[in-house]
């Protein structure tokens, strides 16, 4: 069962300062010292249908299993990375979740043709 650790950063007080720290220091740190990860997806939230979004960035760190995630979480590198995440998150503490991902992939032709069904 593939799982992921999700870190959701609230909107920072100074977006430009956060982005500089995130891109120059934090993102390279996650790439270098988190053992067992298979992929990192970093999303910058652009907006929300009802006003300002509650989160500025959502980062997903993927692992092949819960055991791999737990091993990473117990590592010195993970503890350093989470401490740094707290330090750069000027809009409040990030929300951290553990999730199992379910993916559905649609063929573009099938997706368009399904829209015509009544």
PDB file of N, CA and C in Angstrom:
ATOM      1  N   UNK A   1       0.845  -1.173   0.000  1.00  0.00           N
ATOM      2  CA  UNK A   1       0.000   0.000   0.000  1.00  0.00           C
ATOM      3  C   UNK A   1       0.892   1.237   0.000  1.00  0.00           C
ATOM      4  N   UNK A   2       0.839   2.027  -1.053  1.00  0.00           N
ATOM      5  CA  UNK A   2       1.589   3.282  -1.130  1.00  0.00           C
ATOM      6  C   UNK A   2       0.896   4.334  -0.267  1.00  0.00           C
ATOM      7  N   UNK A   3       1.702   5.119   0.424  1.00  0.00           N
ATOM      8  CA  UNK A   3       1.168   6.164   1.298  1.00  0.00           C
ATOM      9  C   UNK A   3       1.948   7.453   1.067  1.00  0.00           C
ATOM     10  N   UNK A   4       1.406   8.537   1.615  1.00  0.00           N
ATOM     11  CA  UNK A   4       2.118   9.803   1.502  1.00  0.00           C
ATOM     12  C   UNK A   4       1.947  10.622   2.768  1.00  0.00           C
ATOM     13  N   UNK A   5       2.956  11.430   3.027  1.00  0.00           N
ATOM     14  CA  UNK A   5       2.931  12.402   4.098  1.00  0.00           C
ATOM     15  C   UNK A   5       2.606  13.736   3.436  1.00  0.00           C
ATOM     16  N   UNK A   6       1.555  14.392   3.905  1.00  0.00           N
ATOM     17  CA  UNK A   6       1.147  15.667   3.326  1.00  0.00           C
ATOM     18  C   UNK A   6       1.437  16.780   4.329  1.00  0.00           C
ATOM     19  N   UNK A   7       2.073  17.838   3.847  1.00  0.00           N
ATOM     20  CA  UNK A   7       2.360  19.005   4.669  1.00  0.00           C
ATOM     21  C   UNK A   7       1.674  20.188   4.004  1.00  0.00           C
ATOM     22  N   UNK A   8       0.729  20.801   4.729  1.00  0.00           N
ATOM     23  CA  UNK A   8      -0.044  21.907   4.171  1.00  0.00           C
ATOM     24  C   UNK A   8       0.324  23.183   4.925  1.00  0.00           C
ATOM     25  N   UNK A   9       0.956  24.103   4.205  1.00  0.00           N
ATOM     26  CA  UNK A   9       1.426  25.351   4.800  1.00  0.00           C
ATOM     27  C   UNK A   9       0.337  26.418   4.717  1.00  0.00           C
ATOM     28  N   UNK A  10      -0.006  27.045   5.852  1.00  0.00           N
ATOM     29  CA  UNK A  10      -0.954  28.157   5.796  1.00  0.00           C
ATOM     30  C   UNK A  10      -0.347  29.334   5.025  1.00  0.00           C
ATOM     31  N   UNK A  11      -1.213  30.214   4.597  1.00  0.00           N
ATOM     32  CA  UNK A  11      -0.761  31.404   3.868  1.00  0.00           C
ATOM     33  C   UNK A  11       0.243  32.176   4.741  1.00  0.00           C
ATOM     34  N   UNK A  12       1.490  32.364   4.246  1.00  0.00           N
ATOM     35  CA  UNK A  12       2.509  33.038   5.057  1.00  0.00           C
ATOM     36  C   UNK A  12       2.267  34.546   5.143  1.00  0.00           C
ATOM     37  N   UNK A  13       2.871  35.147   6.148  1.00  0.00           N
ATOM     38  CA  UNK A  13       2.767  36.607   6.305  1.00  0.00           C
ATOM     39  C   UNK A  13       3.425  37.326   5.135  1.00  0.00           C
ATOM     40  N   UNK A  14       4.563  36.807   4.675  1.00  0.00           N
ATOM     41  CA  UNK A  14       5.292  37.384   3.537  1.00  0.00           C
ATOM     42  C   UNK A  14       5.525  36.254   2.525  1.00  0.00           C
ATOM     43  N   UNK A  15       4.704  36.234   1.490  1.00  0.00           N
ATOM     44  CA  UNK A  15       4.757  35.140   0.506  1.00  0.00           C
ATOM     45  C   UNK A  15       6.108  35.080  -0.193  1.00  0.00           C
ATOM     46  N   UNK A  16       6.650  36.228  -0.593  1.00  0.00           N
ATOM     47  CA  UNK A  16       7.937  36.223  -1.302  1.00  0.00           C
ATOM     48  C   UNK A  16       9.059  35.668  -0.422  1.00  0.00           C
ATOM     49  N   UNK A  17       9.097  36.070   0.837  1.00  0.00           N
ATOM     50  CA  UNK A  17      10.128  35.557   1.759  1.00  0.00           C
ATOM     51  C   UNK A  17       9.962  34.052   1.961  1.00  0.00           C
ATOM     52  N   UNK A  18       8.719  33.595   2.120  1.00  0.00           N
ATOM     53  CA  UNK A  18       8.471  32.155   2.276  1.00  0.00           C
ATOM     54  C   UNK A  18       8.952  31.394   1.047  1.00  0.00           C
ATOM     55  N   UNK A  19       8.584  31.871  -0.134  1.00  0.00           N
ATOM     56  CA  UNK A  19       8.960  31.182  -1.372  1.00  0.00           C
ATOM     57  C   UNK A  19      10.480  31.116  -1.535  1.00  0.00           C
ATOM     58  N   UNK A  20      11.184  32.191  -1.186  1.00  0.00           N
ATOM     59  CA  UNK A  20      12.651  32.160  -1.269  1.00  0.00           C
ATOM     60  C   UNK A  20      13.213  31.075  -0.364  1.00  0.00           C
ATOM     61  N   UNK A  21      12.771  31.047   0.905  1.00  0.00           N
ATOM     62  CA  UNK A  21      13.257  30.032   1.843  1.00  0.00           C
ATOM     63  C   UNK A  21      12.836  28.635   1.417  1.00  0.00           C
ATOM     64  N   UNK A  22      11.605  28.499   0.985  1.00  0.00           N
ATOM     65  CA  UNK A  22      11.099  27.186   0.583  1.00  0.00           C
ATOM     66  C   UNK A  22      11.925  26.649  -0.590  1.00  0.00           C
ATOM     67  N   UNK A  23      12.100  27.459  -1.624  1.00  0.00           N
ATOM     68  CA  UNK A  23      12.766  26.988  -2.843  1.00  0.00           C
ATOM     69  C   UNK A  23      14.280  26.863  -2.712  1.00  0.00           C
ATOM     70  N   UNK A  24      14.907  27.752  -1.962  1.00  0.00           N
ATOM     71  CA  UNK A  24      16.372  27.735  -1.861  1.00  0.00           C
ATOM     72  C   UNK A  24      16.897  26.809  -0.779  1.00  0.00           C
ATOM     73  N   UNK A  25      16.120  26.622   0.291  1.00  0.00           N
ATOM     74  CA  UNK A  25      16.620  25.834   1.421  1.00  0.00           C
ATOM     75  C   UNK A  25      15.769  24.591   1.675  1.00  0.00           C
ATOM     76  N   UNK A  26      14.467  24.787   1.845  1.00  0.00           N
ATOM     77  CA  UNK A  26      13.627  23.682   2.303  1.00  0.00           C
ATOM     78  C   UNK A  26      13.453  22.575   1.255  1.00  0.00           C
ATOM     79  N   UNK A  27      13.102  22.935   0.041  1.00  0.00           N
ATOM     80  CA  UNK A  27      12.894  21.905  -0.998  1.00  0.00           C
ATOM     81  C   UNK A  27      14.149  21.070  -1.228  1.00  0.00           C
ATOM     82  N   UNK A  28      15.338  21.693  -1.368  1.00  0.00           N
ATOM     83  CA  UNK A  28      16.542  20.863  -1.507  1.00  0.00           C
ATOM     84  C   UNK A  28      16.788  19.968  -0.291  1.00  0.00           C
ATOM     85  N   UNK A  29      16.452  20.467   0.903  1.00  0.00           N
ATOM     86  CA  UNK A  29      16.617  19.672   2.118  1.00  0.00           C
ATOM     87  C   UNK A  29      15.766  18.409   2.033  1.00  0.00           C
ATOM     88  N   UNK A  30      14.515  18.550   1.618  1.00  0.00           N
ATOM     89  CA  UNK A  30      13.630  17.378   1.552  1.00  0.00           C
ATOM     90  C   UNK A  30      14.135  16.361   0.535  1.00  0.00           C
ATOM     91  N   UNK A  31      14.704  16.860  -0.542  1.00  0.00           N
ATOM     92  CA  UNK A  31      15.218  15.953  -1.571  1.00  0.00           C
ATOM     93  C   UNK A  31      16.433  15.188  -1.078  1.00  0.00           C
ATOM     94  N   UNK A  32      17.253  15.839  -0.259  1.00  0.00           N
ATOM     95  CA  UNK A  32      18.535  15.259   0.148  1.00  0.00           C
ATOM     96  C   UNK A  32      18.464  14.347   1.362  1.00  0.00           C
ATOM     97  N   UNK A  33      17.603  14.630   2.356  1.00  0.00           N
ATOM     98  CA  UNK A  33      17.742  13.922   3.632  1.00  0.00           C
ATOM     99  C   UNK A  33      16.519  13.137   4.095  1.00  0.00           C
ATOM    100  N   UNK A  34      15.540  12.960   3.243  1.00  0.00           N
ATOM    101  CA  UNK A  34      14.386  12.134   3.635  1.00  0.00           C
ATOM    102  C   UNK A  34      14.546  10.732   3.055  1.00  0.00           C
ATOM    103  N   UNK A  35      14.862   9.749   3.892  1.00  0.00           N
ATOM    104  CA  UNK A  35      15.092   8.397   3.387  1.00  0.00           C
ATOM    105  C   UNK A  35      13.799   7.696   2.978  1.00  0.00           C
ATOM    106  N   UNK A  36      13.878   6.900   1.920  1.00  0.00           N
ATOM    107  CA  UNK A  36      12.771   6.031   1.536  1.00  0.00           C
ATOM    108  C   UNK A  36      11.690   6.646   0.665  1.00  0.00           C
ATOM    109  N   UNK A  37      11.761   7.944   0.417  1.00  0.00           N
ATOM    110  CA  UNK A  37      10.719   8.578  -0.401  1.00  0.00           C
ATOM    111  C   UNK A  37      10.847   8.115  -1.848  1.00  0.00           C
ATOM    112  N   UNK A  38       9.729   8.090  -2.548  1.00  0.00           N
ATOM    113  CA  UNK A  38       9.756   7.732  -3.965  1.00  0.00           C
ATOM    114  C   UNK A  38       9.459   8.927  -4.861  1.00  0.00           C
ATOM    115  N   UNK A  39       8.803   9.949  -4.287  1.00  0.00           N
ATOM    116  CA  UNK A  39       8.437  11.111  -5.085  1.00  0.00           C
ATOM    117  C   UNK A  39       7.995  12.229  -4.145  1.00  0.00           C
ATOM    118  N   UNK A  40       8.238  13.464  -4.560  1.00  0.00           N
ATOM    119  CA  UNK A  40       7.719  14.630  -3.848  1.00  0.00           C
ATOM    120  C   UNK A  40       6.934  15.463  -4.843  1.00  0.00           C
ATOM    121  N   UNK A  41       5.711  15.828  -4.476  1.00  0.00           N
ATOM    122  CA  UNK A  41       4.885  16.713  -5.289  1.00  0.00           C
ATOM    123  C   UNK A  41       4.630  17.967  -4.465  1.00  0.00           C
ATOM    124  N   UNK A  42       5.101  19.105  -4.958  1.00  0.00           N
ATOM    125  CA  UNK A  42       4.916  20.381  -4.258  1.00  0.00           C
ATOM    126  C   UNK A  42       3.940  21.234  -5.069  1.00  0.00           C
ATOM    127  N   UNK A  43       2.838  21.580  -4.460  1.00  0.00           N
ATOM    128  CA  UNK A  43       1.792  22.341  -5.127  1.00  0.00           C
ATOM    129  C   UNK A  43       1.685  23.723  -4.507  1.00  0.00           C
ATOM    130  N   UNK A  44       1.672  24.753  -5.348  1.00  0.00           N
ATOM    131  CA  UNK A  44       1.423  26.110  -4.874  1.00  0.00           C
ATOM    132  C   UNK A  44      -0.046  26.411  -5.147  1.00  0.00           C
ATOM    133  N   UNK A  45      -0.793  26.741  -4.103  1.00  0.00           N
ATOM    134  CA  UNK A  45      -2.227  27.000  -4.230  1.00  0.00           C
ATOM    135  C   UNK A  45      -2.412  28.406  -4.797  1.00  0.00           C
ATOM    136  N   UNK A  46      -3.160  28.511  -5.890  1.00  0.00           N
ATOM    137  CA  UNK A  46      -3.341  29.791  -6.565  1.00  0.00           C
ATOM    138  C   UNK A  46      -4.603  30.532  -6.135  1.00  0.00           C
ATOM    139  N   UNK A  47      -5.605  29.810  -5.707  1.00  0.00           N
ATOM    140  CA  UNK A  47      -6.851  30.461  -5.323  1.00  0.00           C
ATOM    141  C   UNK A  47      -7.852  29.455  -4.808  1.00  0.00           C
ATOM    142  N   UNK A  48      -9.002  29.971  -4.425  1.00  0.00           N
ATOM    143  CA  UNK A  48     -10.107  29.144  -3.949  1.00  0.00           C
ATOM    144  C   UNK A  48     -11.408  29.783  -4.423  1.00  0.00           C
ATOM    145  N   UNK A  49     -12.448  28.980  -4.631  1.00  0.00           N
ATOM    146  CA  UNK A  49     -13.708  29.530  -5.123  1.00  0.00           C
ATOM    147  C   UNK A  49     -14.333  30.582  -4.206  1.00  0.00           C
ATOM    148  N   UNK A  50     -14.041  30.492  -2.921  1.00  0.00           N
ATOM    149  CA  UNK A  50     -14.672  31.418  -1.968  1.00  0.00           C
ATOM    150  C   UNK A  50     -13.638  32.232  -1.199  1.00  0.00           C
ATOM    151  N   UNK A  51     -12.893  33.049  -1.899  1.00  0.00           N
ATOM    152  CA  UNK A  51     -11.947  33.934  -1.226  1.00  0.00           C
ATOM    153  C   UNK A  51     -10.554  33.365  -1.121  1.00  0.00           C
ATOM    154  N   UNK A  52      -9.813  33.883  -0.161  1.00  0.00           N
ATOM    155  CA  UNK A  52      -8.418  33.476   0.022  1.00  0.00           C
ATOM    156  C   UNK A  52      -8.337  32.020   0.481  1.00  0.00           C
ATOM    157  N   UNK A  53      -7.476  31.235  -0.143  1.00  0.00           N
ATOM    158  CA  UNK A  53      -7.336  29.833   0.274  1.00  0.00           C
ATOM    159  C   UNK A  53      -6.670  29.737   1.644  1.00  0.00           C
ATOM    160  N   UNK A  54      -7.012  28.724   2.420  1.00  0.00           N
ATOM    161  CA  UNK A  54      -6.407  28.576   3.747  1.00  0.00           C
ATOM    162  C   UNK A  54      -4.958  28.091   3.699  1.00  0.00           C
ATOM    163  N   UNK A  55      -4.548  27.531   2.565  1.00  0.00           N
ATOM    164  CA  UNK A  55      -3.187  27.015   2.444  1.00  0.00           C
ATOM    165  C   UNK A  55      -2.486  27.664   1.264  1.00  0.00           C
ATOM    166  N   UNK A  56      -1.173  27.860   1.417  1.00  0.00           N
ATOM    167  CA  UNK A  56      -0.361  28.437   0.351  1.00  0.00           C
ATOM    168  C   UNK A  56       0.352  27.342  -0.449  1.00  0.00           C
ATOM    169  N   UNK A  57       0.839  26.330   0.252  1.00  0.00           N
ATOM    170  CA  UNK A  57       1.505  25.198  -0.398  1.00  0.00           C
ATOM    171  C   UNK A  57       1.021  23.908   0.226  1.00  0.00           C
ATOM    172  N   UNK A  58       0.927  22.892  -0.607  1.00  0.00           N
ATOM    173  CA  UNK A  58       0.628  21.536  -0.148  1.00  0.00           C
ATOM    174  C   UNK A  58       1.711  20.640  -0.733  1.00  0.00           C
ATOM    175  N   UNK A  59       2.448  19.998   0.143  1.00  0.00           N
ATOM    176  CA  UNK A  59       3.560  19.154  -0.292  1.00  0.00           C
ATOM    177  C   UNK A  59       3.220  17.711   0.054  1.00  0.00           C
ATOM    178  N   UNK A  60       3.379  16.827  -0.917  1.00  0.00           N
ATOM    179  CA  UNK A  60       3.115  15.401  -0.736  1.00  0.00           C
ATOM    180  C   UNK A  60       4.427  14.641  -0.903  1.00  0.00           C
ATOM    181  N   UNK A  61       4.795  13.882   0.118  1.00  0.00           N
ATOM    182  CA  UNK A  61       6.008  13.067   0.073  1.00  0.00           C
ATOM    183  C   UNK A  61       5.554  11.614   0.041  1.00  0.00           C
ATOM    184  N   UNK A  62       5.793  10.945  -1.065  1.00  0.00           N
ATOM    185  CA  UNK A  62       5.281   9.599  -1.305  1.00  0.00           C
ATOM    186  C   UNK A  62       6.266   8.532  -0.835  1.00  0.00           C
ATOM    187  N   UNK A  63       5.694   7.438  -0.323  1.00  0.00           N
ATOM    188  CA  UNK A  63       6.472   6.293   0.162  1.00  0.00           C
ATOM    189  C   UNK A  63       5.822   5.007  -0.352  1.00  0.00           C
ATOM    190  N   UNK A  64       6.608   3.945  -0.545  1.00  0.00           N
ATOM    191  CA  UNK A  64       6.049   2.699  -1.054  1.00  0.00           C
ATOM    192  C   UNK A  64       5.194   1.947  -0.036  1.00  0.00           C
ATOM    193  N   UNK A  65       5.363   2.269   1.256  1.00  0.00           N
ATOM    194  CA  UNK A  65       4.610   1.554   2.285  1.00  0.00           C
ATOM    195  C   UNK A  65       4.569   2.383   3.569  1.00  0.00           C
ATOM    196  N   UNK A  66       3.683   1.989   4.480  1.00  0.00           N
ATOM    197  CA  UNK A  66       3.607   2.648   5.781  1.00  0.00           C
ATOM    198  C   UNK A  66       4.901   2.424   6.564  1.00  0.00           C
ATOM    199  N   UNK A  67       5.501   1.255   6.409  1.00  0.00           N
ATOM    200  CA  UNK A  67       6.762   0.963   7.095  1.00  0.00           C
ATOM    201  C   UNK A  67       7.842   1.945   6.624  1.00  0.00           C
ATOM    202  N   UNK A  68       7.915   2.207   5.330  1.00  0.00           N
ATOM    203  CA  UNK A  68       8.909   3.153   4.799  1.00  0.00           C
ATOM    204  C   UNK A  68       8.648   4.561   5.327  1.00  0.00           C
ATOM    205  N   UNK A  69       7.394   4.970   5.402  1.00  0.00           N
ATOM    206  CA  UNK A  69       7.048   6.280   5.949  1.00  0.00           C
ATOM    207  C   UNK A  69       7.437   6.367   7.424  1.00  0.00           C
ATOM    208  N   UNK A  70       7.114   5.332   8.195  1.00  0.00           N
ATOM    209  CA  UNK A  70       7.447   5.321   9.626  1.00  0.00           C
ATOM    210  C   UNK A  70       8.954   5.343   9.852  1.00  0.00           C
ATOM    211  N   UNK A  71       9.701   4.629   9.014  1.00  0.00           N
ATOM    212  CA  UNK A  71      11.159   4.634   9.110  1.00  0.00           C
ATOM    213  C   UNK A  71      11.692   6.033   8.839  1.00  0.00           C
ATOM    214  N   UNK A  72      11.158   6.682   7.818  1.00  0.00           N
ATOM    215  CA  UNK A  72      11.552   8.054   7.509  1.00  0.00           C
ATOM    216  C   UNK A  72      11.205   8.984   8.663  1.00  0.00           C
ATOM    217  N   UNK A  73       9.983   8.863   9.196  1.00  0.00           N
ATOM    218  CA  UNK A  73       9.524   9.747  10.278  1.00  0.00           C
ATOM    219  C   UNK A  73      10.425   9.641  11.506  1.00  0.00           C
ATOM    220  N   UNK A  74      11.021   8.484  11.733  1.00  0.00           N
ATOM    221  CA  UNK A  74      11.889   8.288  12.890  1.00  0.00           C
ATOM    222  C   UNK A  74      13.321   8.767  12.634  1.00  0.00           C
ATOM    223  N   UNK A  75      13.606   9.151  11.399  1.00  0.00           N
ATOM    224  CA  UNK A  75      14.979   9.515  11.041  1.00  0.00           C
ATOM    225  C   UNK A  75      15.339  10.932  11.476  1.00  0.00           C
ATOM    226  N   UNK A  76      16.623  11.151  11.637  1.00  0.00           N
ATOM    227  CA  UNK A  76      17.147  12.476  11.971  1.00  0.00           C
ATOM    228  C   UNK A  76      16.798  13.467  10.854  1.00  0.00           C
ATOM    229  N   UNK A  77      16.898  13.022   9.610  1.00  0.00           N
ATOM    230  CA  UNK A  77      16.598  13.894   8.473  1.00  0.00           C
ATOM    231  C   UNK A  77      15.164  14.388   8.473  1.00  0.00           C
ATOM    232  N   UNK A  78      14.237  13.511   8.813  1.00  0.00           N
ATOM    233  CA  UNK A  78      12.824  13.913   8.856  1.00  0.00           C
ATOM    234  C   UNK A  78      12.592  14.905   9.986  1.00  0.00           C
ATOM    235  N   UNK A  79      13.190  14.655  11.124  1.00  0.00           N
ATOM    236  CA  UNK A  79      13.032  15.568  12.259  1.00  0.00           C
ATOM    237  C   UNK A  79      13.593  16.951  11.928  1.00  0.00           C
ATOM    238  N   UNK A  80      14.735  17.004  11.235  1.00  0.00           N
ATOM    239  CA  UNK A  80      15.318  18.279  10.808  1.00  0.00           C
ATOM    240  C   UNK A  80      14.400  18.984   9.807  1.00  0.00           C
ATOM    241  N   UNK A  81      13.855  18.211   8.875  1.00  0.00           N
ATOM    242  CA  UNK A  81      12.998  18.788   7.847  1.00  0.00           C
ATOM    243  C   UNK A  81      11.710  19.341   8.449  1.00  0.00           C
ATOM    244  N   UNK A  82      11.094  18.601   9.372  1.00  0.00           N
ATOM    245  CA  UNK A  82       9.871  19.093  10.011  1.00  0.00           C
ATOM    246  C   UNK A  82      10.146  20.324  10.870  1.00  0.00           C
ATOM    247  N   UNK A  83      11.281  20.356  11.558  1.00  0.00           N
ATOM    248  CA  UNK A  83      11.636  21.538  12.348  1.00  0.00           C
ATOM    249  C   UNK A  83      11.812  22.753  11.441  1.00  0.00           C
ATOM    250  N   UNK A  84      12.421  22.538  10.288  1.00  0.00           N
ATOM    251  CA  UNK A  84      12.601  23.646   9.343  1.00  0.00           C
ATOM    252  C   UNK A  84      11.256  24.077   8.761  1.00  0.00           C
ATOM    253  N   UNK A  85      10.369  23.131   8.508  1.00  0.00           N
ATOM    254  CA  UNK A  85       9.031  23.471   8.003  1.00  0.00           C
ATOM    255  C   UNK A  85       8.307  24.377   9.001  1.00  0.00           C
ATOM    256  N   UNK A  86       8.417  24.056  10.282  1.00  0.00           N
ATOM    257  CA  UNK A  86       7.811  24.896  11.321  1.00  0.00           C
ATOM    258  C   UNK A  86       8.440  26.282  11.338  1.00  0.00           C
ATOM    259  N   UNK A  87       9.749  26.342  11.171  1.00  0.00           N
ATOM    260  CA  UNK A  87      10.462  27.621  11.240  1.00  0.00           C
ATOM    261  C   UNK A  87      10.091  28.560  10.089  1.00  0.00           C
ATOM    262  N   UNK A  88       9.854  28.026   8.899  1.00  0.00           N
ATOM    263  CA  UNK A  88       9.562  28.893   7.755  1.00  0.00           C
ATOM    264  C   UNK A  88       8.079  29.188   7.595  1.00  0.00           C
ATOM    265  N   UNK A  89       7.229  28.511   8.324  1.00  0.00           N
ATOM    266  CA  UNK A  89       5.777  28.663   8.177  1.00  0.00           C
ATOM    267  C   UNK A  89       5.276  29.822   9.035  1.00  0.00           C
ATOM    268  N   UNK A  90       5.382  31.035   8.509  1.00  0.00           N
ATOM    269  CA  UNK A  90       5.052  32.240   9.274  1.00  0.00           C
ATOM    270  C   UNK A  90       3.554  32.496   9.400  1.00  0.00           C
ATOM    271  N   UNK A  91       2.735  31.751   8.699  1.00  0.00           N
ATOM    272  CA  UNK A  91       1.284  31.923   8.790  1.00  0.00           C
ATOM    273  C   UNK A  91       0.645  31.019   9.825  1.00  0.00           C
ATOM    274  N   UNK A  92       1.457  30.296  10.575  1.00  0.00           N
ATOM    275  CA  UNK A  92       0.968  29.324  11.553  1.00  0.00           C
ATOM    276  C   UNK A  92       1.622  27.984  11.286  1.00  0.00           C
ATOM    277  N   UNK A  93       1.409  27.056  12.185  1.00  0.00           N
ATOM    278  CA  UNK A  93       2.008  25.725  12.033  1.00  0.00           C
ATOM    279  C   UNK A  93       1.400  25.005  10.830  1.00  0.00           C
ATOM    280  N   UNK A  94       2.234  24.307  10.062  1.00  0.00           N
ATOM    281  CA  UNK A  94       1.686  23.531   8.957  1.00  0.00           C
ATOM    282  C   UNK A  94       0.822  22.379   9.479  1.00  0.00           C
ATOM    283  N   UNK A  95      -0.143  21.988   8.686  1.00  0.00           N
ATOM    284  CA  UNK A  95      -0.950  20.808   8.978  1.00  0.00           C
ATOM    285  C   UNK A  95      -0.250  19.612   8.346  1.00  0.00           C
ATOM    286  N   UNK A  96      -0.074  18.542   9.118  1.00  0.00           N
ATOM    287  CA  UNK A  96       0.600  17.347   8.621  1.00  0.00           C
ATOM    288  C   UNK A  96      -0.392  16.187   8.666  1.00  0.00           C
ATOM    289  N   UNK A  97      -0.535  15.497   7.532  1.00  0.00           N
ATOM    290  CA  UNK A  97      -1.452  14.364   7.415  1.00  0.00           C
ATOM    291  C   UNK A  97      -0.720  13.173   6.813  1.00  0.00           C
ATOM    292  N   UNK A  98      -1.208  11.980   7.114  1.00  0.00           N
ATOM    293  CA  UNK A  98      -0.739  10.758   6.465  1.00  0.00           C
ATOM    294  C   UNK A  98      -1.922  10.212   5.694  1.00  0.00           C
ATOM    295  N   UNK A  99      -1.696   9.882   4.420  1.00  0.00           N
ATOM    296  CA  UNK A  99      -2.812   9.478   3.567  1.00  0.00           C
ATOM    297  C   UNK A  99      -2.430   8.307   2.670  1.00  0.00           C
ATOM    298  N   UNK A 100      -3.441   7.576   2.277  1.00  0.00           N
ATOM    299  CA  UNK A 100      -3.310   6.543   1.249  1.00  0.00           C
ATOM    300  C   UNK A 100      -3.956   7.120   0.005  1.00  0.00           C
ATOM    301  N   UNK A 101      -3.258   7.075  -1.080  1.00  0.00           N
ATOM    302  CA  UNK A 101      -3.756   7.680  -2.307  1.00  0.00           C
ATOM    303  C   UNK A 101      -4.455   6.661  -3.184  1.00  0.00           C
ATOM    304  N   UNK A 102      -5.598   7.041  -3.713  1.00  0.00           N
ATOM    305  CA  UNK A 102      -6.311   6.249  -4.706  1.00  0.00           C
ATOM    306  C   UNK A 102      -6.369   7.083  -5.975  1.00  0.00           C
ATOM    307  N   UNK A 103      -5.872   6.554  -7.059  1.00  0.00           N
ATOM    308  CA  UNK A 103      -5.779   7.306  -8.303  1.00  0.00           C
ATOM    309  C   UNK A 103      -6.685   6.704  -9.360  1.00  0.00           C
ATOM    310  N   UNK A 104      -7.391   7.572 -10.064  1.00  0.00           N
ATOM    311  CA  UNK A 104      -8.186   7.166 -11.217  1.00  0.00           C
ATOM    312  C   UNK A 104      -7.640   7.912 -12.424  1.00  0.00           C
ATOM    313  N   UNK A 105      -7.301   7.187 -13.456  1.00  0.00           N
ATOM    314  CA  UNK A 105      -6.783   7.798 -14.673  1.00  0.00           C
ATOM    315  C   UNK A 105      -7.807   7.571 -15.770  1.00  0.00           C
ATOM    316  N   UNK A 106      -8.154   8.645 -16.460  1.00  0.00           N
ATOM    317  CA  UNK A 106      -9.181   8.573 -17.496  1.00  0.00           C
ATOM    318  C   UNK A 106      -8.572   8.821 -18.861  1.00  0.00           C
ATOM    319  N   UNK A 107      -9.006   8.062 -19.814  1.00  0.00           N
ATOM    320  CA  UNK A 107      -8.661   8.307 -21.193  1.00  0.00           C
ATOM    321  C   UNK A 107      -9.413   9.567 -21.621  1.00  0.00           C
ATOM    322  N   UNK A 108      -8.756  10.489 -22.286  1.00  0.00           N
ATOM    323  CA  UNK A 108      -9.404  11.746 -22.660  1.00  0.00           C
ATOM    324  C   UNK A 108     -10.635  11.514 -23.527  1.00  0.00           C
ATOM    325  N   UNK A 109     -10.567  10.572 -24.438  1.00  0.00           N
ATOM    326  CA  UNK A 109     -11.715  10.306 -25.312  1.00  0.00           C
ATOM    327  C   UNK A 109     -12.894   9.804 -24.487  1.00  0.00           C
ATOM    328  N   UNK A 110     -12.641   8.877 -23.584  1.00  0.00           N
ATOM    329  CA  UNK A 110     -13.718   8.335 -22.742  1.00  0.00           C
ATOM    330  C   UNK A 110     -14.323   9.424 -21.871  1.00  0.00           C
ATOM    331  N   UNK A 111     -13.496  10.303 -21.316  1.00  0.00           N
ATOM    332  CA  UNK A 111     -14.005  11.354 -20.433  1.00  0.00           C
ATOM    333  C   UNK A 111     -14.945  12.290 -21.199  1.00  0.00           C
ATOM    334  N   UNK A 112     -14.579  12.648 -22.422  1.00  0.00           N
ATOM    335  CA  UNK A 112     -15.426  13.535 -23.212  1.00  0.00           C
ATOM    336  C   UNK A 112     -16.722  12.848 -23.590  1.00  0.00           C
ATOM    337  N   UNK A 113     -16.665  11.571 -23.951  1.00  0.00           N
ATOM    338  CA  UNK A 113     -17.875  10.896 -24.382  1.00  0.00           C
ATOM    339  C   UNK A 113     -18.829  10.646 -23.212  1.00  0.00           C
ATOM    340  N   UNK A 114     -18.305  10.486 -21.992  1.00  0.00           N
ATOM    341  CA  UNK A 114     -19.165  10.283 -20.837  1.00  0.00           C
ATOM    342  C   UNK A 114     -20.006  11.528 -20.550  1.00  0.00           C
ATOM    343  N   UNK A 115     -19.503  12.699 -20.898  1.00  0.00           N
ATOM    344  CA  UNK A 115     -20.239  13.922 -20.656  1.00  0.00           C
ATOM    345  C   UNK A 115     -21.515  14.025 -21.490  1.00  0.00           C
ATOM    346  N   UNK A 116     -21.623  13.226 -22.531  1.00  0.00           N
ATOM    347  CA  UNK A 116     -22.802  13.305 -23.391  1.00  0.00           C
ATOM    348  C   UNK A 116     -23.912  12.358 -22.937  1.00  0.00           C
ATOM    349  N   UNK A 117     -23.627  11.482 -21.973  1.00  0.00           N
ATOM    350  CA  UNK A 117     -24.646  10.549 -21.483  1.00  0.00           C
ATOM    351  C   UNK A 117     -25.679  11.285 -20.652  1.00  0.00           C
ATOM    352  N   UNK A 118     -26.896  10.836 -20.712  1.00  0.00           N
ATOM    353  CA  UNK A 118     -27.953  11.488 -19.931  1.00  0.00           C
ATOM    354  C   UNK A 118     -28.488  10.530 -18.908  1.00  0.00           C
TER     355      UNK A 118
END
